[in-house]
Protein backbone atom coordinates (compact mmCIF):
# COMPACT_ATOMS: atom_id res chain seq x y z
CA MET A 1 18.80 -42.85 62.61
CA GLU A 2 15.90 -41.27 60.78
CA HIS A 3 16.17 -38.17 62.99
CA LEU A 4 19.43 -37.36 61.05
CA ILE A 5 17.72 -37.08 57.76
CA ASN A 6 17.48 -33.60 56.18
CA LYS A 7 14.22 -32.15 57.59
CA ARG A 8 13.45 -30.53 54.28
CA VAL A 9 13.44 -33.94 52.64
CA LYS A 10 11.13 -35.31 55.27
CA GLU A 11 8.72 -32.41 54.73
CA ILE A 12 8.22 -33.00 51.01
CA GLU A 13 5.95 -35.72 49.62
CA ILE A 14 5.97 -38.14 46.79
CA SER A 15 4.13 -36.57 43.77
CA GLY A 16 0.30 -36.67 44.31
CA ILE A 17 -0.01 -37.88 40.68
CA ARG A 18 2.18 -40.87 41.23
CA LYS A 19 0.79 -41.54 44.67
CA PHE A 20 -2.75 -41.87 43.29
CA PHE A 21 -1.61 -43.79 40.25
CA ASN A 22 0.23 -46.37 42.47
CA LEU A 23 -2.80 -46.58 44.69
CA VAL A 24 -5.04 -47.82 41.96
CA ALA A 25 -2.54 -49.41 39.56
CA ASP A 26 -3.29 -53.04 40.53
CA VAL A 27 -7.06 -52.79 40.61
CA LYS A 28 -8.61 -55.20 38.14
CA ASP A 29 -10.53 -53.64 35.18
CA MET A 30 -9.55 -50.12 36.17
CA VAL A 31 -9.66 -47.45 33.45
CA GLN A 32 -6.69 -45.12 33.96
CA LEU A 33 -6.88 -41.51 32.84
CA THR A 34 -4.17 -40.38 35.17
CA ILE A 35 -0.64 -40.25 33.72
CA GLY A 36 0.57 -37.71 31.18
CA GLN A 37 2.44 -40.31 29.13
CA PRO A 38 1.90 -40.42 25.37
CA ASP A 39 0.37 -43.70 24.27
CA PHE A 40 2.26 -43.58 20.96
CA PRO A 41 5.53 -45.51 20.59
CA THR A 42 8.78 -43.72 20.14
CA PRO A 43 9.19 -43.31 16.23
CA ASP A 44 10.88 -46.28 14.69
CA HIS A 45 13.75 -44.33 13.18
CA VAL A 46 14.55 -42.84 16.56
CA LYS A 47 14.62 -46.26 18.18
CA GLU A 48 16.91 -47.50 15.38
CA ALA A 49 19.32 -44.62 16.13
CA GLY A 50 19.48 -45.78 19.74
CA LYS A 51 20.17 -49.39 18.69
CA LYS A 52 22.94 -48.21 16.36
CA ALA A 53 24.44 -46.24 19.20
CA ILE A 54 24.80 -49.49 21.19
CA ASP A 55 26.17 -51.43 18.25
CA ASN A 56 28.69 -48.69 17.51
CA ASN A 57 29.78 -48.58 21.10
CA PHE A 58 28.59 -44.98 21.58
CA THR A 59 28.26 -45.93 25.32
CA THR A 60 30.82 -43.76 27.01
CA TYR A 61 30.68 -40.33 28.68
CA THR A 62 30.04 -37.37 26.44
CA HIS A 63 30.73 -33.67 27.06
CA ASN A 64 28.95 -32.71 30.27
CA ALA A 65 26.54 -30.51 28.26
CA GLY A 66 25.90 -33.22 25.65
CA PHE A 67 27.91 -33.98 22.56
CA LEU A 68 28.22 -30.97 20.31
CA GLN A 69 26.34 -32.27 17.28
CA LEU A 70 23.26 -32.86 19.51
CA ARG A 71 23.50 -29.43 21.03
CA GLN A 72 23.74 -27.94 17.56
CA ALA A 73 20.57 -29.87 16.59
CA ALA A 74 18.81 -28.68 19.78
CA ALA A 75 19.78 -25.02 19.17
CA ASN A 76 18.71 -25.30 15.50
CA PHE A 77 15.36 -26.86 16.67
CA TYR A 78 14.65 -23.76 18.85
CA GLN A 79 15.66 -21.34 16.18
CA GLN A 80 13.65 -23.09 13.43
CA LYS A 81 10.54 -23.64 15.57
CA TYR A 82 10.47 -20.58 17.87
CA SER A 83 12.81 -18.04 16.35
CA VAL A 84 15.22 -17.89 19.31
CA ASP A 85 18.95 -18.11 18.67
CA TYR A 86 21.11 -19.98 21.19
CA SER A 87 24.76 -20.86 21.04
CA ALA A 88 25.22 -24.64 20.88
CA GLU A 89 28.64 -24.31 22.53
CA HIS A 90 27.80 -22.00 25.39
CA GLU A 91 23.98 -21.69 25.91
CA THR A 92 22.64 -25.22 25.35
CA ILE A 93 22.69 -28.13 27.83
CA ILE A 94 21.27 -31.61 27.30
CA THR A 95 19.83 -32.90 30.55
CA ALA A 96 18.42 -36.09 31.99
CA GLY A 97 14.87 -35.10 31.22
CA ALA A 98 13.14 -31.77 31.78
CA SER A 99 12.89 -32.65 35.49
CA GLU A 100 16.62 -32.58 35.98
CA ALA A 101 16.71 -29.25 34.04
CA ILE A 102 14.28 -27.77 36.56
CA ASP A 103 16.31 -29.09 39.43
CA ILE A 104 19.67 -27.72 38.30
CA THR A 105 18.14 -24.33 37.36
CA PHE A 106 16.64 -23.83 40.82
CA ARG A 107 19.76 -25.02 42.54
CA THR A 108 21.77 -22.53 40.59
CA ILE A 109 19.64 -19.42 41.02
CA LEU A 110 17.85 -19.92 44.40
CA GLU A 111 19.15 -19.05 47.86
CA GLU A 112 17.77 -19.22 51.35
CA GLY A 113 14.66 -17.03 51.79
CA CYS A 114 14.18 -15.89 48.24
CA GLU A 115 10.77 -16.23 46.61
CA VAL A 116 9.56 -18.02 43.42
CA ILE A 117 6.20 -16.97 41.91
CA LEU A 118 4.20 -19.90 40.51
CA PRO A 119 0.78 -20.06 38.86
CA ALA A 120 -1.58 -22.38 40.72
CA PRO A 121 -2.97 -24.95 40.16
CA VAL A 122 0.42 -26.08 38.89
CA TYR A 123 2.59 -29.10 38.07
CA VAL A 124 3.92 -30.84 41.18
CA GLY A 125 7.57 -30.85 40.27
CA TYR A 126 8.50 -27.27 41.19
CA GLU A 127 7.51 -26.74 44.85
CA PRO A 128 9.55 -29.55 46.41
CA ILE A 129 12.79 -28.40 44.73
CA ILE A 130 12.12 -24.78 45.63
CA LYS A 131 11.69 -25.82 49.28
CA LEU A 132 14.82 -28.06 49.18
CA CYS A 133 16.77 -24.93 48.15
CA GLY A 134 15.45 -23.12 51.18
CA ALA A 135 13.38 -20.76 48.99
CA ILE A 136 9.68 -19.92 49.32
CA PRO A 137 6.99 -20.77 46.70
CA VAL A 138 4.48 -17.96 46.23
CA TYR A 139 1.28 -19.02 44.46
CA ALA A 140 -0.55 -16.82 41.98
CA ASP A 141 -4.19 -17.92 42.12
CA ILE A 142 -5.23 -18.28 38.47
CA ARG A 143 -8.53 -20.03 39.05
CA LYS A 144 -10.70 -16.92 38.56
CA ASN A 145 -8.65 -15.89 35.58
CA GLN A 146 -9.47 -18.76 33.20
CA PHE A 147 -6.24 -20.38 34.47
CA ARG A 148 -4.15 -17.63 32.81
CA MET A 149 -1.00 -16.20 34.31
CA THR A 150 -0.92 -12.48 33.64
CA ALA A 151 1.49 -9.62 34.20
CA GLU A 152 -1.10 -7.90 36.45
CA LEU A 153 -1.33 -10.96 38.65
CA ILE A 154 2.45 -11.39 38.83
CA GLU A 155 2.97 -7.70 39.68
CA SER A 156 0.76 -7.98 42.73
CA LEU A 157 3.04 -10.70 44.13
CA ILE A 158 6.54 -9.30 43.43
CA THR A 159 8.58 -8.32 46.46
CA GLU A 160 12.18 -7.47 47.10
CA LYS A 161 12.72 -11.21 47.70
CA THR A 162 11.35 -12.36 44.37
CA ARG A 163 14.03 -14.26 42.48
CA CYS A 164 12.13 -16.21 39.78
CA ILE A 165 8.81 -16.44 38.00
CA VAL A 166 7.80 -19.91 36.68
CA LEU A 167 5.84 -20.01 33.44
CA PRO A 168 4.73 -23.53 32.48
CA TYR A 169 2.87 -23.30 29.19
CA PRO A 170 1.02 -25.12 27.83
CA SER A 171 0.14 -25.97 31.40
CA ASN A 172 0.01 -29.20 33.28
CA PRO A 173 -2.70 -29.60 34.65
CA THR A 174 -4.97 -27.09 32.81
CA GLY A 175 -3.81 -27.26 29.16
CA VAL A 176 -3.91 -23.44 28.97
CA SER A 177 -1.09 -21.72 27.12
CA LEU A 178 -0.06 -18.10 26.86
CA ASN A 179 -0.17 -15.96 23.75
CA GLU A 180 2.31 -13.40 22.36
CA THR A 181 0.61 -10.45 23.85
CA GLU A 182 0.49 -11.92 27.36
CA LEU A 183 4.20 -12.94 27.16
CA LYS A 184 5.25 -9.51 25.99
CA GLU A 185 3.45 -7.92 28.95
CA ILE A 186 5.16 -10.26 31.35
CA ALA A 187 8.54 -9.59 29.72
CA GLN A 188 7.99 -5.86 29.97
CA LEU A 189 7.13 -6.19 33.64
CA VAL A 190 10.41 -7.76 34.60
CA ILE A 191 12.76 -6.17 32.02
CA ASP A 192 14.10 -3.71 34.61
CA LYS A 193 13.98 -6.10 37.60
CA ASP A 194 16.52 -8.59 38.92
CA ILE A 195 14.14 -11.50 38.41
CA PHE A 196 14.68 -14.68 36.38
CA ILE A 197 11.95 -16.42 34.28
CA LEU A 198 11.90 -20.13 34.15
CA ALA A 199 9.89 -21.02 31.00
CA ASP A 200 8.88 -24.68 31.13
CA GLU A 201 7.91 -25.33 27.50
CA ILE A 202 7.94 -29.11 27.53
CA TYR A 203 4.57 -29.24 25.68
CA SER A 204 5.49 -26.57 23.09
CA GLU A 205 5.05 -29.02 20.20
CA LEU A 206 1.54 -29.94 21.34
CA VAL A 207 -0.20 -26.55 20.89
CA TYR A 208 -3.32 -26.81 18.80
CA GLU A 209 -4.89 -23.68 17.22
CA GLN A 210 -2.22 -21.11 17.96
CA LYS A 211 1.52 -21.22 17.39
CA HIS A 212 3.70 -21.61 20.42
CA VAL A 213 5.69 -18.48 21.29
CA SER A 214 8.73 -18.61 23.57
CA ILE A 215 9.06 -15.74 25.98
CA ALA A 216 12.81 -15.93 25.34
CA GLN A 217 12.04 -14.01 22.14
CA PHE A 218 11.43 -10.94 24.19
CA ILE A 219 13.61 -11.34 27.25
CA LYS A 220 16.35 -13.92 26.54
CA ASP A 221 18.88 -12.47 28.94
CA LYS A 222 16.80 -13.35 32.01
CA THR A 223 15.08 -16.49 30.75
CA ILE A 224 15.90 -20.16 31.30
CA VAL A 225 13.96 -22.24 28.74
CA ILE A 226 13.27 -25.88 29.50
CA ASN A 227 12.10 -28.40 26.95
CA GLY A 228 12.65 -32.00 26.02
CA LEU A 229 11.60 -34.98 23.89
CA SER A 230 9.31 -36.84 26.27
CA LYS A 231 6.09 -35.31 24.98
CA SER A 232 7.04 -34.23 21.45
CA HIS A 233 8.55 -37.57 20.48
CA SER A 234 6.99 -39.94 22.99
CA MET A 235 10.39 -40.57 24.58
CA THR A 236 9.50 -40.43 28.27
CA GLY A 237 11.83 -43.25 29.27
CA TRP A 238 14.80 -41.98 27.23
CA ARG A 239 15.17 -39.07 29.66
CA ILE A 240 16.34 -36.32 27.32
CA GLY A 241 15.72 -32.69 28.26
CA MET A 242 17.03 -29.44 26.75
CA LEU A 243 17.99 -26.38 28.71
CA PHE A 244 18.67 -23.02 27.07
CA ALA A 245 20.06 -19.97 28.93
CA PRO A 246 22.28 -16.99 28.27
CA GLU A 247 25.97 -17.89 28.57
CA TYR A 248 26.65 -16.00 31.88
CA LEU A 249 24.00 -18.27 33.52
CA ALA A 250 24.43 -21.49 31.53
CA LYS A 251 28.05 -21.87 32.54
CA HIS A 252 26.96 -21.98 36.22
CA ILE A 253 24.02 -24.30 35.63
CA LEU A 254 26.40 -26.63 33.82
CA LYS A 255 28.45 -27.02 36.97
CA VAL A 256 25.44 -28.21 38.92
CA HIS A 257 24.50 -30.52 36.06
CA GLN A 258 27.94 -31.94 36.00
CA TYR A 259 27.96 -32.91 39.68
CA ASN A 260 24.38 -34.15 39.43
CA VAL A 261 24.48 -36.63 36.49
CA THR A 262 27.81 -35.98 34.66
CA CYS A 263 25.95 -36.16 31.37
CA ALA A 264 22.77 -37.45 29.86
CA THR A 265 22.87 -41.08 28.65
CA SER A 266 24.95 -41.29 25.51
CA ILE A 267 22.62 -43.84 23.88
CA SER A 268 19.65 -41.57 24.46
CA GLN A 269 21.59 -38.64 23.14
CA MET A 270 22.18 -40.34 19.83
CA ALA A 271 18.44 -41.15 19.56
CA ALA A 272 17.72 -37.57 20.40
CA LEU A 273 20.03 -36.37 17.54
CA GLU A 274 17.82 -38.44 15.11
CA ALA A 275 14.67 -37.03 16.71
CA LEU A 276 15.77 -33.38 16.36
CA THR A 277 17.03 -33.72 12.78
CA ASN A 278 15.24 -36.30 10.67
CA GLY A 279 12.32 -36.36 13.14
CA ILE A 280 12.03 -32.64 13.76
CA ASP A 281 8.32 -32.75 12.83
CA ASP A 282 7.50 -36.09 14.41
CA ALA A 283 5.03 -34.50 16.80
CA GLU A 284 2.67 -33.41 13.99
CA PRO A 285 0.70 -36.70 13.54
CA MET A 286 0.50 -37.10 17.33
CA LYS A 287 -0.75 -33.58 17.74
CA LYS A 288 -3.52 -34.17 15.19
CA GLU A 289 -4.69 -37.20 17.01
CA TYR A 290 -4.50 -35.43 20.42
CA ALA A 291 -6.65 -32.61 18.95
CA LEU A 292 -9.31 -35.12 17.95
CA ARG A 293 -9.24 -36.69 21.40
CA ARG A 294 -9.43 -33.23 23.06
CA ASP A 295 -12.52 -32.27 21.02
CA TYR A 296 -14.18 -35.60 21.78
CA VAL A 297 -13.46 -35.36 25.57
CA TYR A 298 -14.55 -31.66 25.65
CA ASN A 299 -17.86 -32.45 24.00
CA ARG A 300 -18.50 -35.33 26.37
CA LEU A 301 -17.61 -33.29 29.47
CA THR A 302 -19.71 -30.25 28.44
CA SER A 303 -22.65 -32.60 27.63
CA MET A 304 -22.36 -33.73 31.27
CA ASN A 305 -22.72 -30.02 32.27
CA LEU A 306 -19.23 -30.03 33.85
CA ASP A 307 -17.44 -26.77 34.29
CA VAL A 308 -14.27 -27.10 32.12
CA ILE A 309 -12.02 -24.92 29.96
CA LYS A 310 -11.07 -26.22 26.53
CA PRO A 311 -7.27 -26.93 26.54
CA GLU A 312 -5.05 -25.02 24.06
CA GLY A 313 -2.23 -27.54 24.36
CA ALA A 314 -0.74 -30.54 26.23
CA PHE A 315 -3.20 -33.38 26.87
CA TYR A 316 -5.12 -32.57 30.10
CA PHE A 317 -8.52 -31.35 31.24
CA PHE A 318 -8.75 -29.71 34.69
CA VAL A 319 -12.43 -30.23 35.64
CA LYS A 320 -14.42 -28.61 38.36
CA ILE A 321 -15.89 -31.28 40.72
CA PRO A 322 -19.73 -30.90 40.46
CA ARG A 323 -20.32 -31.63 44.15
CA GLU A 324 -20.04 -29.54 47.28
CA ASN A 325 -18.56 -30.73 50.56
CA ILE A 326 -16.30 -33.43 49.13
CA SER A 327 -12.51 -33.27 48.82
CA SER A 328 -10.94 -33.92 45.39
CA PHE A 329 -9.26 -37.00 46.83
CA ASP A 330 -12.53 -38.41 48.19
CA PHE A 331 -14.26 -37.70 44.94
CA CYS A 332 -11.59 -39.47 42.94
CA MET A 333 -11.63 -42.43 45.44
CA GLU A 334 -15.43 -42.72 44.88
CA LEU A 335 -14.79 -42.98 41.11
CA VAL A 336 -12.25 -45.71 41.76
CA GLU A 337 -14.26 -47.73 44.27
CA LYS A 338 -17.67 -47.53 42.55
CA PHE A 339 -16.89 -47.21 38.88
CA LYS A 340 -13.22 -48.27 38.49
CA LEU A 341 -12.26 -44.99 36.88
CA ALA A 342 -8.99 -43.33 37.92
CA VAL A 343 -8.31 -39.58 37.46
CA VAL A 344 -5.99 -37.40 39.51
CA PRO A 345 -7.28 -35.31 42.49
CA GLY A 346 -6.86 -31.56 41.91
CA SER A 347 -5.15 -31.25 45.28
CA ALA A 348 -2.07 -32.91 43.78
CA PHE A 349 -1.45 -29.56 42.00
CA SER A 350 -1.27 -27.46 45.16
CA GLU A 351 -3.97 -26.38 47.59
CA LEU A 352 -5.40 -24.18 44.91
CA GLY A 353 -6.19 -27.32 42.85
CA GLU A 354 -8.71 -28.50 45.53
CA GLY A 355 -12.20 -28.85 44.11
CA TYR A 356 -11.00 -30.11 40.71
CA PHE A 357 -9.72 -33.30 39.07
CA ARG A 358 -7.32 -33.76 36.23
CA LEU A 359 -8.16 -36.04 33.35
CA SER A 360 -5.45 -37.08 30.85
CA TYR A 361 -6.42 -37.73 27.27
CA ALA A 362 -3.06 -39.25 26.36
CA TYR A 363 -5.01 -42.52 25.90
CA SER A 364 -6.62 -44.28 23.01
CA MET A 365 -10.11 -43.24 21.94
CA ASP A 366 -11.58 -46.57 23.08
CA THR A 367 -10.05 -45.98 26.60
CA LEU A 368 -11.42 -42.40 26.65
CA LYS A 369 -14.87 -43.50 25.65
CA GLU A 370 -15.03 -46.19 28.32
CA GLY A 371 -13.66 -43.86 30.99
CA LEU A 372 -16.13 -41.06 30.09
CA ASP A 373 -19.00 -43.56 30.05
CA ARG A 374 -18.10 -44.51 33.57
CA LEU A 375 -17.82 -40.85 34.61
CA GLU A 376 -21.22 -40.14 33.10
CA ASN A 377 -22.75 -43.13 34.93
CA TYR A 378 -21.33 -41.81 38.13
CA LEU A 379 -22.76 -38.37 37.59
CA ASN A 380 -26.19 -39.80 36.63
CA ARG A 381 -26.27 -41.80 39.79
């Protein structure tokens, strides 16, 4: 009966990140620098809010978009942090993680044959959904541009079929973000075009030297903003995302969300309310620690003469492989087999990631030191 399965589903693959993680997960004494999962616990006061939700029987369906008090907190969060005003009632949707927000956005705005412009190398979660919608991913090669997505690069790829531009910043896998000038130029480019912008800002609270700027400040009527609490509050398993969009668009996205999950988990929603109110700045101590780790890893990598760009946010390095004639997968397998160090092959982030590997520094300093020692030993070999 397998021949009856949707051919588009058969053509997509499990995430290259997870595939490699699962491949080496059970190897004894393996140092893992693969997954972008904060190593901090969810803040205690947020966990307590979740426990109270259970004790108070807040365990039923909520409004499809999330209960109103939480949507108000989410809208206030974006106004306070990034100076963008959204209506809690009509322009804010609480989702089952940022991943679901991406899914329901694409399924709302994409049709057969339309095109979506993506920077590449890029996070693995966009292309499969685009293809499942019958749309076409169009990659903007950002490798020779210090991994920066620019208006000039986007303009060269726009066609009459272009429906959406994806802007993930800070970026997974590169850690590069976009500044106000760059965002204004992109907004100006599309202001008179029938093109949506999907701004994936899930790492917005983990930007180091500069302040995060949302492109919705400049072109709100065409922008879908996606965020969530997985990275900012170390709540990956709680599965709470936030989607902001103009009312004319949000009301249609909400329909897809309703038929997808009905609503986000009520218990997680109550924990999210605590995170977005009393814990609105909970990311600050984590960000300081990540900055220390970033600087340590950057100094170690550059001392090994590796070609790498210092991340501006998130918690990843995207490193050029210092060998010719070896695939990123084979390089990473050599690290696994000979030095028990796991990083992610760059090919997991599209074909334009080939020749690189991604290293996550969402790990303790002791783990980072041991992992980098093993990498240095490999290179010295």
